[in-house]
Structures are given as structure tokens and as C-alpha cells.
Protein backbone atom coordinates (compact mmCIF):
# COMPACT_ATOMS: atom_id res chain seq x y z
CA UNK A 1 90.80 140.40 130.74
CA UNK A 2 87.37 141.53 131.89
CA UNK A 3 85.24 139.33 134.09
CA UNK A 4 82.41 139.45 131.55
CA UNK A 5 84.29 136.92 129.42
CA UNK A 6 83.83 134.22 132.05
CA UNK A 7 80.58 132.37 132.87
CA UNK A 8 78.63 133.57 135.88
CA UNK A 9 79.25 130.30 137.73
CA UNK A 10 83.02 130.68 137.36
CA UNK A 11 82.92 134.28 138.54
CA UNK A 12 80.87 133.19 141.53
CA UNK A 13 83.33 130.43 142.49
CA UNK A 14 86.28 132.82 142.22
CA UNK A 15 84.43 135.41 144.33
CA UNK A 16 83.70 132.91 147.10
CA UNK A 17 87.29 131.67 147.06
CA UNK A 18 88.59 135.23 147.30
CA UNK A 19 86.28 135.97 150.25
CA UNK A 20 87.44 132.78 151.95
CA UNK A 21 91.09 133.81 151.54
CA UNK A 22 90.29 137.23 152.95
CA UNK A 23 88.54 135.51 155.85
CA UNK A 24 91.56 133.31 156.50
CA UNK A 25 93.69 136.47 156.59
CA UNK A 26 91.30 138.47 158.80
CA UNK A 27 91.03 135.74 161.45
CA UNK A 28 94.72 135.96 162.59
CA UNK A 29 94.60 139.75 162.26
CA UNK A 30 91.60 139.92 164.57
CA UNK A 31 93.23 137.50 166.97
CA UNK A 32 96.40 139.61 167.04
CA UNK A 33 94.42 142.78 167.73
CA UNK A 34 92.58 141.00 170.56
CA UNK A 35 95.81 139.79 172.18
CA UNK A 36 97.42 143.20 171.80
CA UNK A 37 94.43 144.76 173.56
CA UNK A 38 95.30 142.74 176.71
CA UNK A 39 98.62 144.57 176.87
CA UNK A 40 100.98 141.95 175.45
CA UNK A 41 103.99 143.07 173.41
CA UNK A 42 102.99 143.05 169.68
CA UNK A 43 106.64 142.77 168.55
CA UNK A 44 106.67 139.02 169.19
CA UNK A 45 102.90 138.33 168.98
CA UNK A 46 102.30 139.41 165.36
CA UNK A 47 105.03 137.26 163.71
CA UNK A 48 103.78 134.13 165.42
CA UNK A 49 100.18 134.84 164.52
CA UNK A 50 100.85 135.68 160.81
CA UNK A 51 103.51 132.99 160.26
CA UNK A 52 101.06 130.10 159.48
CA UNK A 53 99.18 132.25 156.96
CA UNK A 54 102.41 133.38 155.27
CA UNK A 55 103.87 129.84 155.14
CA UNK A 56 100.62 128.40 153.70
CA UNK A 57 101.16 129.90 150.23
CA UNK A 58 104.73 128.64 149.55
CA UNK A 59 103.81 125.26 151.04
CA UNK A 60 100.82 124.82 148.70
CA UNK A 61 102.91 126.06 145.75
CA UNK A 62 105.78 123.64 146.49
CA UNK A 63 103.29 120.79 147.00
CA UNK A 64 101.60 121.54 143.66
CA UNK A 65 104.96 121.68 141.84
CA UNK A 66 106.01 118.32 143.29
CA UNK A 67 102.69 116.68 142.36
CA UNK A 68 102.92 117.95 138.79
CA UNK A 69 106.59 116.98 138.45
CA UNK A 70 105.88 113.46 139.71
CA UNK A 71 102.81 113.32 137.41
CA UNK A 72 100.54 112.58 140.34
CA UNK A 73 96.82 112.81 139.85
CA UNK A 74 95.28 115.73 141.71
CA UNK A 75 92.30 114.53 143.69
CA UNK A 76 90.06 116.02 146.43
CA UNK A 77 90.12 117.25 149.07
CA UNK A 78 91.55 120.48 147.66
CA UNK A 79 92.87 123.43 149.71
CA UNK A 80 90.53 126.26 150.68
CA UNK A 81 90.40 129.58 148.87
CA UNK A 82 92.05 130.54 145.59
CA UNK A 83 94.60 127.77 145.86
CA UNK A 84 91.74 125.30 145.87
CA UNK A 85 90.51 126.77 142.58
CA UNK A 86 94.02 126.40 141.11
CA UNK A 87 94.22 122.76 142.24
CA UNK A 88 90.70 122.09 140.99
CA UNK A 89 91.40 123.69 137.59
CA UNK A 90 94.59 121.66 137.09
CA UNK A 91 92.71 118.51 138.09
CA UNK A 92 90.09 119.23 135.41
CA UNK A 93 92.81 119.68 132.76
CA UNK A 94 94.39 116.42 133.90
CA UNK A 95 91.06 114.65 133.53
CA UNK A 96 90.55 116.08 130.03
CA UNK A 97 94.07 115.02 129.08
CA UNK A 98 93.43 111.47 130.33
CA UNK A 99 90.19 111.28 128.32
CA UNK A 100 91.95 112.63 125.24
CA UNK A 101 94.78 110.10 125.60
CA UNK A 102 92.25 107.29 126.01
CA UNK A 103 90.46 108.42 122.83
CA UNK A 104 93.78 108.57 120.98
CA UNK A 105 94.72 105.11 122.22
CA UNK A 106 91.33 103.72 121.14
CA UNK A 107 91.63 105.42 117.74
CA UNK A 108 95.20 104.19 117.31
CA UNK A 109 94.13 100.66 118.25
CA UNK A 110 91.22 100.75 115.77
CA UNK A 111 93.52 102.12 113.08
CA UNK A 112 96.07 99.34 113.64
CA UNK A 113 93.33 96.70 113.66
CA UNK A 114 91.82 98.09 110.44
CA UNK A 115 95.22 98.41 108.76
CA UNK A 116 96.17 94.89 109.78
CA UNK A 117 92.89 93.57 108.37
CA UNK A 118 93.38 95.24 104.97
CA UNK A 119 94.54 92.67 102.37
CA UNK A 120 96.54 95.36 100.53
CA UNK A 121 100.07 96.24 101.57
CA UNK A 122 100.36 99.60 103.36
CA UNK A 123 103.74 101.25 103.94
CA UNK A 124 104.42 104.72 105.34
CA UNK A 125 107.63 106.44 104.19
CA UNK A 126 109.30 109.47 105.75
CA UNK A 127 110.81 112.43 103.88
CA UNK A 128 113.91 110.40 103.03
CA UNK A 129 111.76 107.53 101.65
CA UNK A 130 112.57 105.30 104.62
CA UNK A 131 110.09 102.87 106.13
CA UNK A 132 108.25 104.27 109.16
CA UNK A 133 105.47 101.70 109.45
CA UNK A 134 104.01 98.76 107.52
CA UNK A 135 101.05 96.43 107.97
CA UNK A 136 101.36 92.61 107.98
CA UNK A 137 100.25 92.31 104.33
CA UNK A 138 103.33 94.30 103.29
CA UNK A 139 105.57 91.42 104.41
CA UNK A 140 103.91 89.04 101.97
CA UNK A 141 103.42 91.39 99.03
CA UNK A 142 106.42 93.76 99.31
CA UNK A 143 108.81 91.91 101.62
CA UNK A 144 108.62 94.88 104.02
CA UNK A 145 108.62 93.69 107.63
CA UNK A 146 107.93 96.10 110.43
CA UNK A 147 109.52 96.85 112.88
CA UNK A 148 112.50 94.86 111.51
CA UNK A 149 112.80 97.20 108.49
CA UNK A 150 112.19 100.39 110.48
CA UNK A 151 114.14 103.34 108.96
CA UNK A 152 115.34 101.19 106.10
CA UNK A 153 115.24 102.84 102.63
CA UNK A 154 112.25 101.60 100.66
CA UNK A 155 114.31 101.23 97.47
CA UNK A 156 116.64 98.78 99.24
CA UNK A 157 113.72 96.41 99.77
CA UNK A 158 112.02 96.78 96.39
CA UNK A 159 115.01 97.06 94.09
CA UNK A 160 113.28 97.52 90.73
CA UNK A 161 114.98 100.44 88.95
CA UNK A 162 111.69 102.11 88.04
CA UNK A 163 110.57 102.59 91.68
CA UNK A 164 112.92 105.44 92.64
CA UNK A 165 112.04 107.62 89.61
CA UNK A 166 108.37 106.87 90.25
CA UNK A 167 108.63 108.11 93.86
CA UNK A 168 110.74 111.16 93.04
CA UNK A 169 108.67 112.23 90.03
CA UNK A 170 105.65 112.88 92.21
CA UNK A 171 103.20 112.05 89.41
CA UNK A 172 101.01 109.54 91.21
CA UNK A 173 97.91 109.64 89.01
CA UNK A 174 98.81 106.32 87.42
CA UNK A 175 99.87 103.20 89.34
CA UNK A 176 103.14 101.38 88.79
CA UNK A 177 102.85 97.66 88.02
CA UNK A 178 105.85 95.54 89.04
CA UNK A 179 106.77 91.93 89.75
CA UNK A 180 108.68 92.01 93.09
CA UNK A 181 112.06 90.30 93.29
CA UNK A 182 111.15 88.17 96.33
CA UNK A 183 108.17 86.62 94.52
CA UNK A 184 108.13 86.85 90.73
CA UNK A 185 104.87 84.91 90.50
CA UNK A 186 102.76 87.86 91.63
CA UNK A 187 102.09 91.24 90.01
CA UNK A 188 101.80 94.30 92.25
CA UNK A 189 100.08 97.58 91.49
CA UNK A 190 101.76 100.35 93.52
CA UNK A 191 100.05 103.63 94.30
CA UNK A 192 101.70 106.43 96.25
CA UNK A 193 99.87 109.24 98.05
CA UNK A 194 101.55 112.23 99.75
CA UNK A 195 100.25 112.94 103.25
CA UNK A 196 101.34 114.20 106.65
CA UNK A 197 102.80 117.59 107.52
CA UNK A 198 103.42 119.60 104.34
CA UNK A 199 102.79 116.42 102.33
CA UNK A 200 106.36 115.26 102.95
CA UNK A 201 105.49 111.68 103.89
CA UNK A 202 104.32 109.01 101.45
CA UNK A 203 101.73 106.27 101.81
CA UNK A 204 102.52 103.34 99.52
CA UNK A 205 99.62 100.99 98.73
CA UNK A 206 100.44 97.69 97.04
CA UNK A 207 97.61 95.61 95.58
CA UNK A 208 97.88 92.09 94.24
CA UNK A 209 96.59 92.26 90.65
CA UNK A 210 97.98 88.92 89.52
CA UNK A 211 94.61 87.52 88.44
CA UNK A 212 93.58 90.74 86.70
CA UNK A 213 96.97 90.97 85.02
CA UNK A 214 96.76 87.41 83.70
CA UNK A 215 93.18 87.97 82.51
CA UNK A 216 94.30 91.10 80.67
CA UNK A 217 97.18 89.20 79.09
CA UNK A 218 94.77 86.46 77.96
CA UNK A 219 92.42 89.09 76.57
CA UNK A 220 95.22 90.88 74.73
CA UNK A 221 96.57 87.67 73.27
CA UNK A 222 93.11 86.55 72.21
CA UNK A 223 92.27 89.88 70.59
CA UNK A 224 95.62 90.06 68.82
CA UNK A 225 95.49 86.46 67.59
CA UNK A 226 91.82 86.57 66.60
CA UNK A 227 92.25 89.88 64.80
CA UNK A 228 95.31 88.61 62.97
CA UNK A 229 93.56 85.41 61.93
CA UNK A 230 90.43 87.25 60.78
CA UNK A 231 92.31 89.79 58.70
CA UNK A 232 93.39 87.29 56.02
CA UNK A 233 89.95 85.79 55.24
CA UNK A 234 88.37 89.25 55.28
CA UNK A 235 90.97 90.47 52.82
CA UNK A 236 90.13 87.55 50.53
CA UNK A 237 86.38 88.21 50.85
CA UNK A 238 86.85 91.92 50.16
CA UNK A 239 88.95 91.10 47.10
CA UNK A 240 86.33 88.80 45.61
CA UNK A 241 83.54 91.29 46.35
CA UNK A 242 85.52 94.03 44.62
CA UNK A 243 86.03 91.74 41.63
CA UNK A 244 82.34 90.88 41.43
CA UNK A 245 81.32 94.52 41.63
CA UNK A 246 83.75 95.51 38.89
CA UNK A 247 82.80 92.61 36.63
CA UNK A 248 80.47 93.70 33.79
CA UNK A 249 78.66 90.35 33.85
CA UNK A 250 77.34 90.81 37.39
CA UNK A 251 73.53 91.11 37.27
CA UNK A 252 72.16 94.51 38.29
CA UNK A 253 69.93 93.13 41.10
CA UNK A 254 73.06 91.61 42.69
CA UNK A 255 75.03 94.85 42.83
CA UNK A 256 73.19 96.39 45.80
CA UNK A 257 73.69 93.39 48.16
CA UNK A 258 77.29 93.08 46.96
CA UNK A 259 77.84 96.78 47.74
CA UNK A 260 76.38 96.35 51.23
CA UNK A 261 78.58 93.29 51.78
CA UNK A 262 81.67 95.21 50.70
CA UNK A 263 80.80 98.13 53.02
CA UNK A 264 80.36 95.82 55.99
CA UNK A 265 83.57 93.98 55.09
CA UNK A 266 85.43 97.29 55.01
CA UNK A 267 83.95 98.17 58.41
CA UNK A 268 85.06 94.83 59.87
CA UNK A 269 88.53 95.40 58.44
CA UNK A 270 88.62 98.82 60.14
CA UNK A 271 87.61 97.28 63.47
CA UNK A 272 90.30 94.61 63.14
CA UNK A 273 92.95 97.19 62.27
CA UNK A 274 91.98 99.26 65.31
CA UNK A 275 92.05 96.16 67.54
CA UNK A 276 95.51 95.27 66.27
CA UNK A 277 96.63 98.85 66.92
CA UNK A 278 95.31 98.67 70.49
CA UNK A 279 97.03 95.33 71.04
CA UNK A 280 100.35 96.74 69.86
CA UNK A 281 99.95 99.75 72.15
CA UNK A 282 99.11 97.58 75.16
CA UNK A 283 102.04 95.23 74.66
CA UNK A 284 104.50 97.98 75.58
CA UNK A 285 103.90 100.67 78.20
CA UNK A 286 106.15 103.25 76.53
CA UNK A 287 106.95 104.03 72.94
CA UNK A 288 110.28 102.65 71.73
CA UNK A 289 110.55 105.07 68.81
CA UNK A 290 111.43 108.44 70.30
CA UNK A 291 112.19 111.10 67.73
CA UNK A 292 111.32 114.63 66.79
CA UNK A 293 107.78 114.62 65.36
CA UNK A 294 106.85 117.44 63.00
CA UNK A 295 103.38 117.90 64.46
CA UNK A 296 102.46 120.98 62.36
CA UNK A 297 103.20 119.10 59.13
CA UNK A 298 101.21 116.08 60.33
CA UNK A 299 98.27 118.29 61.31
CA UNK A 300 98.17 119.98 57.90
CA UNK A 301 97.95 116.56 56.23
CA UNK A 302 95.26 115.43 58.70
CA UNK A 303 93.24 118.57 58.02
CA UNK A 304 93.40 117.94 54.28
CA UNK A 305 92.11 114.40 54.80
CA UNK A 306 89.39 115.67 57.17
CA UNK A 307 88.22 118.22 54.59
CA UNK A 308 88.05 115.48 51.99
CA UNK A 309 86.09 113.29 54.42
CA UNK A 310 83.73 116.17 55.21
CA UNK A 311 83.24 117.02 51.53
CA UNK A 312 82.34 120.60 52.34
CA UNK A 313 79.80 119.78 55.05
CA UNK A 314 81.87 121.28 57.89
CA UNK A 315 83.85 124.45 58.43
CA UNK A 316 87.45 124.17 59.62
CA UNK A 317 89.62 126.58 61.59
CA UNK A 318 93.17 125.96 62.74
CA UNK A 319 95.69 127.66 64.98
CA UNK A 320 99.00 125.83 64.75
CA UNK A 321 102.40 126.93 66.05
CA UNK A 322 104.61 126.03 63.12
CA UNK A 323 107.84 125.89 65.15
CA UNK A 324 106.47 123.63 67.92
CA UNK A 325 107.47 119.97 67.60
CA UNK A 326 107.08 116.98 69.95
CA UNK A 327 109.28 114.12 71.06
CA UNK A 328 107.55 110.79 70.47
CA UNK A 329 106.47 108.18 67.95
CA UNK A 330 105.25 109.65 64.62
CA UNK A 331 102.78 106.89 63.67
CA UNK A 332 101.25 106.74 67.16
CA UNK A 333 100.82 110.50 67.47
CA UNK A 334 99.39 110.73 63.95
CA UNK A 335 96.89 107.98 64.86
CA UNK A 336 95.80 109.82 68.02
CA UNK A 337 95.47 113.26 66.39
CA UNK A 338 93.68 111.95 63.29
CA UNK A 339 91.20 109.97 65.41
CA UNK A 340 90.15 113.14 67.26
CA UNK A 341 89.83 115.22 64.08
CA UNK A 342 88.00 112.53 62.11
CA UNK A 343 85.66 111.88 65.05
CA UNK A 344 84.67 115.56 64.97
CA UNK A 345 83.79 115.16 61.28
CA UNK A 346 81.95 111.85 61.65
CA UNK A 347 79.93 112.58 64.77
CA UNK A 348 78.78 116.19 64.24
CA UNK A 349 75.99 117.37 61.91
CA UNK A 350 76.47 119.36 58.72
CA UNK A 351 77.38 123.00 59.21
CA UNK A 352 79.43 122.37 62.37
CA UNK A 353 82.55 124.49 62.87
CA UNK A 354 85.62 122.43 63.84
CA UNK A 355 88.70 124.10 65.34
CA UNK A 356 92.11 122.44 65.61
CA UNK A 357 94.73 124.03 67.91
CA UNK A 358 98.38 123.11 68.51
CA UNK A 359 100.13 125.44 70.96
CA UNK A 360 102.24 125.83 74.04
CA UNK A 361 100.37 125.93 77.34
CA UNK A 362 101.23 127.03 80.84
CA UNK A 363 102.50 123.61 81.98
CA UNK A 364 103.46 121.99 78.65
CA UNK A 365 102.00 121.73 75.16
CA UNK A 366 98.49 120.86 74.08
CA UNK A 367 96.54 119.71 71.07
CA UNK A 368 92.80 120.34 71.04
CA UNK A 369 89.86 119.70 68.75
CA UNK A 370 86.71 121.76 69.38
CA UNK A 371 83.34 121.88 67.69
CA UNK A 372 80.06 123.77 68.12
CA UNK A 373 77.93 120.68 67.59
CA UNK A 374 75.12 119.33 69.79
CA UNK A 375 77.48 118.25 72.56
CA UNK A 376 77.63 115.07 74.62
CA UNK A 377 75.38 114.29 77.63
CA UNK A 378 77.43 114.46 80.85
CA UNK A 379 76.60 110.87 81.87
CA UNK A 380 78.52 109.58 78.84
CA UNK A 381 81.76 111.55 79.37
CA UNK A 382 83.45 109.19 81.89
CA UNK A 383 83.01 106.18 79.55
CA UNK A 384 83.97 107.68 76.20
CA UNK A 385 87.44 106.11 76.23
CA UNK A 386 86.10 102.59 76.81
CA UNK A 387 86.32 100.11 73.95
CA UNK A 388 83.27 99.99 71.69
CA UNK A 389 81.42 102.56 73.81
CA UNK A 390 79.17 104.76 71.68
CA UNK A 391 76.94 107.66 72.68
CA UNK A 392 74.62 107.09 69.70
CA UNK A 393 75.09 103.56 68.38
CA UNK A 394 72.89 104.02 65.29
CA UNK A 395 74.67 107.22 64.23
CA UNK A 396 78.08 105.66 64.92
CA UNK A 397 77.31 102.71 62.65
CA UNK A 398 76.07 105.03 59.92
CA UNK A 399 79.25 107.12 60.09
CA UNK A 400 81.48 104.04 60.03
CA UNK A 401 82.87 104.45 63.55
CA UNK A 402 84.45 101.46 65.27
CA UNK A 403 84.11 102.64 68.88
CA UNK A 404 87.86 102.22 69.40
CA UNK A 405 89.20 105.64 68.39
CA UNK A 406 89.24 107.29 71.82
CA UNK A 407 90.61 104.12 73.42
CA UNK A 408 93.55 104.34 70.98
CA UNK A 409 93.97 108.05 71.78
CA UNK A 410 94.08 107.33 75.52
CA UNK A 411 96.72 104.59 75.12
CA UNK A 412 98.89 106.74 72.85
CA UNK A 413 98.79 109.63 75.33
CA UNK A 414 99.68 107.34 78.23
CA UNK A 415 102.73 106.15 76.30
CA UNK A 416 103.76 109.79 75.73
CA UNK A 417 103.20 110.98 79.34
CA UNK A 418 100.12 112.84 78.17
CA UNK A 419 96.59 113.30 79.47
CA UNK A 420 93.25 113.43 77.67
CA UNK A 421 90.59 115.82 78.92
CA UNK A 422 87.06 115.87 77.49
CA UNK A 423 84.72 118.84 78.00
CA UNK A 424 81.24 119.08 76.55
CA UNK A 425 78.00 120.94 77.11
CA UNK A 426 74.71 120.08 75.48
CA UNK A 427 73.87 122.53 72.73
CA UNK A 428 77.28 124.24 72.88
CA UNK A 429 79.69 121.67 71.49
CA UNK A 430 82.61 119.57 72.72
CA UNK A 431 86.34 120.00 73.24
CA UNK A 432 88.97 117.25 73.37
CA UNK A 433 92.34 118.33 74.79
CA UNK A 434 95.60 116.35 74.73
CA UNK A 435 98.19 117.75 77.13
CA UNK A 436 101.86 116.77 77.00
CA UNK A 437 104.57 117.68 79.54
CA UNK A 438 106.97 120.47 78.65
CA UNK A 439 109.94 118.08 78.62
CA UNK A 440 108.61 116.57 75.37
CA UNK A 441 108.26 119.90 73.57
CA UNK A 442 110.83 120.83 70.93
CA UNK A 443 111.35 124.08 69.02
CA UNK A 444 112.11 124.02 65.31
CA UNK A 445 115.53 125.50 64.61
CA UNK A 446 117.54 126.05 61.45
CA UNK A 447 120.02 123.47 62.69
CA UNK A 448 117.74 121.05 64.51
CA UNK A 449 114.83 120.79 66.91
CA UNK A 450 115.86 122.29 70.24
CA UNK A 451 114.22 121.47 73.60
CA UNK A 452 111.93 124.12 75.06
CA UNK A 453 113.43 126.04 77.97
CA UNK A 454 111.62 124.97 81.13
CA UNK A 455 111.47 128.61 82.29
CA UNK A 456 110.16 129.92 78.99
CA UNK A 457 106.59 131.10 79.22
CA UNK A 458 104.23 130.66 76.28
CA UNK A 459 102.97 133.69 74.44
CA UNK A 460 99.37 134.30 75.31
């Protein structure tokens, strides 16, 4: 390597050290020449004069090796010459290493203090899903005690059967809610995050959601009970209003308020039906009815209903793979798909083109509804699946929307391992995409619906 790569100060130090070593060598040489000039025999003079200089190098090397092996700290005074620069350089590296270790120790101490102060349970698993570390909160929430449970399989501590598939599946977007065996009075929400070298380790975070869980249960029970109790009186009111409207003796001035009352009663009935649907979906995390759903046939029926609802005000396009079926619950999937199609009709202006697509994708199957309407402002997109959330409340009321359609779609997709993605741009329309994993896709066959080969690639 050229000397230009080193700072000028370093080159200067090395130059001075080299000159000093040359000086240490020239001194005994000059002394030997002087003694030889007095007529003494050089055969025995030169070895004695050069011996200290020759022994200095192995002595300093052996001393340095012993100091490093014994992990001694190199400290001044250092030898003269180039050996001094070697000693001094190693001492600087030792000092940097000590500072680095101190920083690591301080960081490790702060990390342990922060992790111990976190009220959530934190557990680190190795590649074999064994416990490597856990904070004190994990003992209370998960019954994981560290270091007592060091290297113990995580599934031996939390023995719920759904935990192992949840860890091995690697789909950590949604948390897993469980009631641990050691304390059935609490409800835990488990989240797992891959980390470490090549993402082989797992960080398990357990949060106590007991209060939230009980509040949600109270809310679900209240909504279900209230909706069920309201449905009967509303049915009676709607029946009497229908009778009064159809009766020939009803005065003409009374017909307009009776019509408005019937419309609002029908809207309240729709809201109650949607609330009951949501309550049924929330009661169970997965659909119990798993069968082959003829999605193309369902979509053709939905499109016919959408065209009747539009009454010629919208244009429809469809691209449906007729042999592509889906494993799931027919009424739930029909509810989700029809909500998306009907929303496109209700919430877009006249003349809008609506496209419905059912096809195989790269990583599964997807159903999408697109339109070239005015689009949705970006600030509304994250909240569209909330209950009763409306972008334009006045327009939603005019179109008869309940504000629960997308919430129902989201719950149905969660129960079918699906995901909802919403894309929209102002002035260029919106697109709602439902993606399902490939394991739920079925192919129509003359004998029966056959599962899609995992290695089969969709036709583009």
C-alpha cells in the first residue's frame, strides 16, 4: 500500500521511529568499528557488540505475545523505534475495544431495564421455537420464567393447540387471542415478529386485552340483543304502514308522510339486519360452513341485481373465470361480494363504468370491483371499514347506505383468510380488491371441484 493513503502525522511518526531504529543499529556498528581500529580481534568483538541489538527484537516480540495472551493492558512507557509504534497501536485498539464494550454494556443494561419496565410480555424464541429470553411480565402473562425456562420449547409452556400452527404459518399480520391455561381469567393478544440473523428468531409480544375483550363482548351482546328486540316492532310498524298505504280510504295528504315513514322504517330494518349480520360474524372467528362456493354463478346473479338497482344509469363490465371456485361459506361470500358491487352502484354518479373481476392471481385468487367515478379522498381510506363511517353522509343517506357494508366485507374476508385492499385516486375512480390464499381456490371439474395446484401459475 502506498504511503499516500496514511495521514501525514502517521507517516511522520513511522519515519521518526524508523530513523530511531537505524540509530540504535548504527551506534553498536560505530562502536565496533572504533574498537577494531585499536587493533582488537573483530572475531569476538562484533558478536558481543551486536548481540543486545539482535536479542532486543525477539524479546519485545515474546513480551508482546505474553501480554496479549494474558489480556494485559498495554500502557506506557513503550519501547523505542518501530516496536514502540506497534505497542502504541495495539494499545489504541485495546482502548477502543474497552470503550466499545462499555457502550455495549450500557446499551444492554438500558435494554434490559426498558424491557423489564414494559407491561407487555416479551419472549425471544430461537430457530427451534425455544425460549432464549423473557422479561418479568412474561411470567405473569404467559407463565414463561427466565432463566428457569431457558431453551424450553415455547409450545410446552403455552399448550393451546392453535399456537404452533400460528408460529409455523408465518402470517403475523393478525394477532392471536388466547386465554392461557395457567390463568383463564385473562385474555392475551399474541403478536409474533421475525427478527435476528436471516429472520430466523421470533419475538413474541403478549398484551393483556382482558378489559378490551370484555368491553367488546358487552358491545356485541348489546348490539345483537338490541337489534333482535328492535326487529319485531319495526316489522309490525312496517306492516301497518304498508296496509295504510295500500288502503283506498287513506286520505291523499297522508300518503306522502306515510311513504316517508315506510322508507325510513325500511332503512332502519336494513341497519338492524346488517348489525345482526356483523354480530353473527363476530361471534365466531372462522366460518363453520366450508364448502365449494360457485363464485361465478353467484357473481352473475349479483350483477343482474346490480343492473336492476342501477336501472340503466351505470355501465357494467365483467371478467369472470367460470371454472374458478372458492372454499368457504356461500351466504357470507355472497354478502361480501354483493356489498362491494352494490356500493359501486349506490355511491357513484350516473354514467360511471363498473368493472367486476374474478380471477387467479400470482399468490392466490382475487375478486375486485373497479369504477371510474370521482374517487375517494386519501384521508378517508384508512377508516372506510369502520362501522357507520361515511365519506359523504348526505349522499349515503340518500342512496340508502347503512355504513356497515365494508365492515361486513372485512369480517367475512378475515374469516376466509382473505385481505381487503382499497385503492382510489380523486378524479380517476376507486378499486376494491379481495385477495384469498391459493389453498382456498378450487377448479371446476366434470366430476367435482378440484384444488388448484400450488405450483400452477395463472394465465396472464
